[in-house]
């Protein structure tokens, strides 16, 4: 019968190889992003989404679109509002509020 028990030197070599493999696995895991990248920012919003950005309701959003205060586009039968239009509108109303306060003072 042959002796299948590894020698101390063989055990040391196996442990060293295992440690090296685990270190390589850790380096590989570190290179892989752990969280998925966020979805790209939406450029064209629905009327409801634009309203959510401004924290106002759908009816008020449609009033702003109809009056031309907020630019929008039609894609087929779908009404969309560019994110820059939402930001521009928000900037305009803030500036108007500042002017109103300066005039009142």
C-alpha atoms as a PDB file:
ATOM      1  CA  UNK A   1       0.000   0.000   0.000  1.00  0.00           C
ATOM      2  CA  UNK A   2       1.348   3.441  -0.930  1.00  0.00           C
ATOM      3  CA  UNK A   3       1.412   6.440   1.377  1.00  0.00           C
ATOM      4  CA  UNK A   4      -0.989   9.131   0.031  1.00  0.00           C
ATOM      5  CA  UNK A   5      -0.477  11.557   2.903  1.00  0.00           C
ATOM      6  CA  UNK A   6       1.186  14.737   1.569  1.00  0.00           C
ATOM      7  CA  UNK A   7       4.466  15.822   3.073  1.00  0.00           C
ATOM      8  CA  UNK A   8       4.835  19.054   5.016  1.00  0.00           C
ATOM      9  CA  UNK A   9       6.607  20.626   2.044  1.00  0.00           C
ATOM     10  CA  UNK A  10       3.725  19.654  -0.251  1.00  0.00           C
ATOM     11  CA  UNK A  11       1.200  21.102   2.213  1.00  0.00           C
ATOM     12  CA  UNK A  12       3.142  24.378   2.411  1.00  0.00           C
ATOM     13  CA  UNK A  13       3.219  24.571  -1.400  1.00  0.00           C
ATOM     14  CA  UNK A  14      -0.535  23.885  -1.639  1.00  0.00           C
ATOM     15  CA  UNK A  15      -1.333  26.553   0.992  1.00  0.00           C
ATOM     16  CA  UNK A  16       0.897  29.082  -0.803  1.00  0.00           C
ATOM     17  CA  UNK A  17      -0.811  28.302  -4.132  1.00  0.00           C
ATOM     18  CA  UNK A  18      -4.223  28.660  -2.515  1.00  0.00           C
ATOM     19  CA  UNK A  19      -3.266  32.016  -0.976  1.00  0.00           C
ATOM     20  CA  UNK A  20      -2.002  33.226  -4.348  1.00  0.00           C
ATOM     21  CA  UNK A  21      -5.223  32.122  -6.074  1.00  0.00           C
ATOM     22  CA  UNK A  22      -7.370  33.872  -3.447  1.00  0.00           C
ATOM     23  CA  UNK A  23      -5.351  37.084  -3.804  1.00  0.00           C
ATOM     24  CA  UNK A  24      -5.794  36.969  -7.579  1.00  0.00           C
ATOM     25  CA  UNK A  25      -9.525  36.401  -7.140  1.00  0.00           C
ATOM     26  CA  UNK A  26      -9.736  39.450  -4.848  1.00  0.00           C
ATOM     27  CA  UNK A  27      -7.917  41.581  -7.444  1.00  0.00           C
ATOM     28  CA  UNK A  28     -10.309  40.333 -10.124  1.00  0.00           C
ATOM     29  CA  UNK A  29     -13.382  41.108  -7.986  1.00  0.00           C
ATOM     30  CA  UNK A  30     -12.061  44.618  -7.265  1.00  0.00           C
ATOM     31  CA  UNK A  31     -11.875  45.308 -11.011  1.00  0.00           C
ATOM     32  CA  UNK A  32     -15.564  44.445 -11.494  1.00  0.00           C
ATOM     33  CA  UNK A  33     -17.990  47.263 -10.621  1.00  0.00           C
ATOM     34  CA  UNK A  34     -20.197  46.178  -7.744  1.00  0.00           C
ATOM     35  CA  UNK A  35     -23.126  48.448  -8.578  1.00  0.00           C
ATOM     36  CA  UNK A  36     -24.717  48.895 -11.975  1.00  0.00           C
ATOM     37  CA  UNK A  37     -24.247  52.291 -13.541  1.00  0.00           C
ATOM     38  CA  UNK A  38     -27.254  54.598 -13.233  1.00  0.00           C
ATOM     39  CA  UNK A  39     -29.511  54.914 -16.250  1.00  0.00           C
ATOM     40  CA  UNK A  40     -28.781  57.886 -18.488  1.00  0.00           C
ATOM     41  CA  UNK A  41     -30.628  61.099 -17.695  1.00  0.00           C
ATOM     42  CA  UNK A  42     -33.829  61.416 -19.678  1.00  0.00           C
ATOM     43  CA  UNK A  43     -33.777  64.188 -22.241  1.00  0.00           C
ATOM     44  CA  UNK A  44     -37.434  64.194 -23.297  1.00  0.00           C
ATOM     45  CA  UNK A  45     -39.985  63.922 -20.529  1.00  0.00           C
ATOM     46  CA  UNK A  46     -43.675  63.193 -20.571  1.00  0.00           C
ATOM     47  CA  UNK A  47     -45.915  65.972 -19.298  1.00  0.00           C
ATOM     48  CA  UNK A  48     -46.351  64.030 -16.065  1.00  0.00           C
ATOM     49  CA  UNK A  49     -42.581  63.521 -15.621  1.00  0.00           C
ATOM     50  CA  UNK A  50     -41.915  67.222 -16.270  1.00  0.00           C
ATOM     51  CA  UNK A  51     -44.579  68.051 -13.689  1.00  0.00           C
ATOM     52  CA  UNK A  52     -42.845  65.795 -11.188  1.00  0.00           C
ATOM     53  CA  UNK A  53     -39.574  67.644 -11.845  1.00  0.00           C
ATOM     54  CA  UNK A  54     -41.314  70.950 -11.048  1.00  0.00           C
ATOM     55  CA  UNK A  55     -43.470  69.424  -8.295  1.00  0.00           C
ATOM     56  CA  UNK A  56     -46.698  70.548  -9.967  1.00  0.00           C
ATOM     57  CA  UNK A  57     -49.677  68.644 -11.283  1.00  0.00           C
ATOM     58  CA  UNK A  58     -50.465  67.402 -14.759  1.00  0.00           C
ATOM     59  CA  UNK A  59     -53.272  69.927 -15.287  1.00  0.00           C
ATOM     60  CA  UNK A  60     -51.008  72.884 -14.481  1.00  0.00           C
ATOM     61  CA  UNK A  61     -48.334  71.423 -16.778  1.00  0.00           C
ATOM     62  CA  UNK A  62     -50.796  71.236 -19.669  1.00  0.00           C
ATOM     63  CA  UNK A  63     -51.784  74.877 -18.980  1.00  0.00           C
ATOM     64  CA  UNK A  64     -48.118  75.922 -19.181  1.00  0.00           C
ATOM     65  CA  UNK A  65     -47.644  73.994 -22.435  1.00  0.00           C
ATOM     66  CA  UNK A  66     -50.839  75.379 -23.984  1.00  0.00           C
ATOM     67  CA  UNK A  67     -49.918  78.965 -23.061  1.00  0.00           C
ATOM     68  CA  UNK A  68     -46.413  78.558 -24.488  1.00  0.00           C
ATOM     69  CA  UNK A  69     -44.721  79.280 -21.164  1.00  0.00           C
ATOM     70  CA  UNK A  70     -43.171  75.825 -21.352  1.00  0.00           C
ATOM     71  CA  UNK A  71     -41.855  74.597 -24.683  1.00  0.00           C
ATOM     72  CA  UNK A  72     -42.833  71.133 -25.834  1.00  0.00           C
ATOM     73  CA  UNK A  73     -42.671  68.998 -28.958  1.00  0.00           C
ATOM     74  CA  UNK A  74     -44.933  66.462 -30.577  1.00  0.00           C
ATOM     75  CA  UNK A  75     -43.491  63.148 -31.647  1.00  0.00           C
ATOM     76  CA  UNK A  76     -46.338  61.626 -33.574  1.00  0.00           C
ATOM     77  CA  UNK A  77     -49.174  61.968 -31.090  1.00  0.00           C
ATOM     78  CA  UNK A  78     -46.895  62.032 -28.056  1.00  0.00           C
ATOM     79  CA  UNK A  79     -46.215  65.337 -26.293  1.00  0.00           C
ATOM     80  CA  UNK A  80     -42.709  65.579 -24.827  1.00  0.00           C
ATOM     81  CA  UNK A  81     -40.903  68.318 -22.926  1.00  0.00           C
ATOM     82  CA  UNK A  82     -37.137  68.713 -23.179  1.00  0.00           C
ATOM     83  CA  UNK A  83     -35.368  68.713 -19.821  1.00  0.00           C
ATOM     84  CA  UNK A  84     -33.690  72.020 -20.745  1.00  0.00           C
ATOM     85  CA  UNK A  85     -37.139  73.588 -21.213  1.00  0.00           C
ATOM     86  CA  UNK A  86     -38.088  72.510 -17.701  1.00  0.00           C
ATOM     87  CA  UNK A  87     -34.864  73.974 -16.290  1.00  0.00           C
ATOM     88  CA  UNK A  88     -35.268  77.206 -18.293  1.00  0.00           C
ATOM     89  CA  UNK A  89     -38.850  77.619 -17.064  1.00  0.00           C
ATOM     90  CA  UNK A  90     -37.754  77.065 -13.451  1.00  0.00           C
ATOM     91  CA  UNK A  91     -34.985  79.649 -13.853  1.00  0.00           C
ATOM     92  CA  UNK A  92     -37.403  82.165 -15.389  1.00  0.00           C
ATOM     93  CA  UNK A  93     -39.928  81.916 -12.576  1.00  0.00           C
ATOM     94  CA  UNK A  94     -37.201  82.253  -9.926  1.00  0.00           C
ATOM     95  CA  UNK A  95     -35.788  85.341 -11.664  1.00  0.00           C
ATOM     96  CA  UNK A  96     -39.295  86.799 -12.016  1.00  0.00           C
ATOM     97  CA  UNK A  97     -39.893  86.265  -8.293  1.00  0.00           C
ATOM     98  CA  UNK A  98     -36.624  88.069  -7.499  1.00  0.00           C
ATOM     99  CA  UNK A  99     -37.598  90.995  -9.733  1.00  0.00           C
ATOM    100  CA  UNK A 100     -41.038  91.156  -8.110  1.00  0.00           C
ATOM    101  CA  UNK A 101     -39.455  91.273  -4.651  1.00  0.00           C
ATOM    102  CA  UNK A 102     -36.970  93.984  -5.719  1.00  0.00           C
ATOM    103  CA  UNK A 103     -39.789  96.078  -7.209  1.00  0.00           C
ATOM    104  CA  UNK A 104     -41.898  95.732  -4.066  1.00  0.00           C
ATOM    105  CA  UNK A 105     -39.022  96.863  -1.799  1.00  0.00           C
END
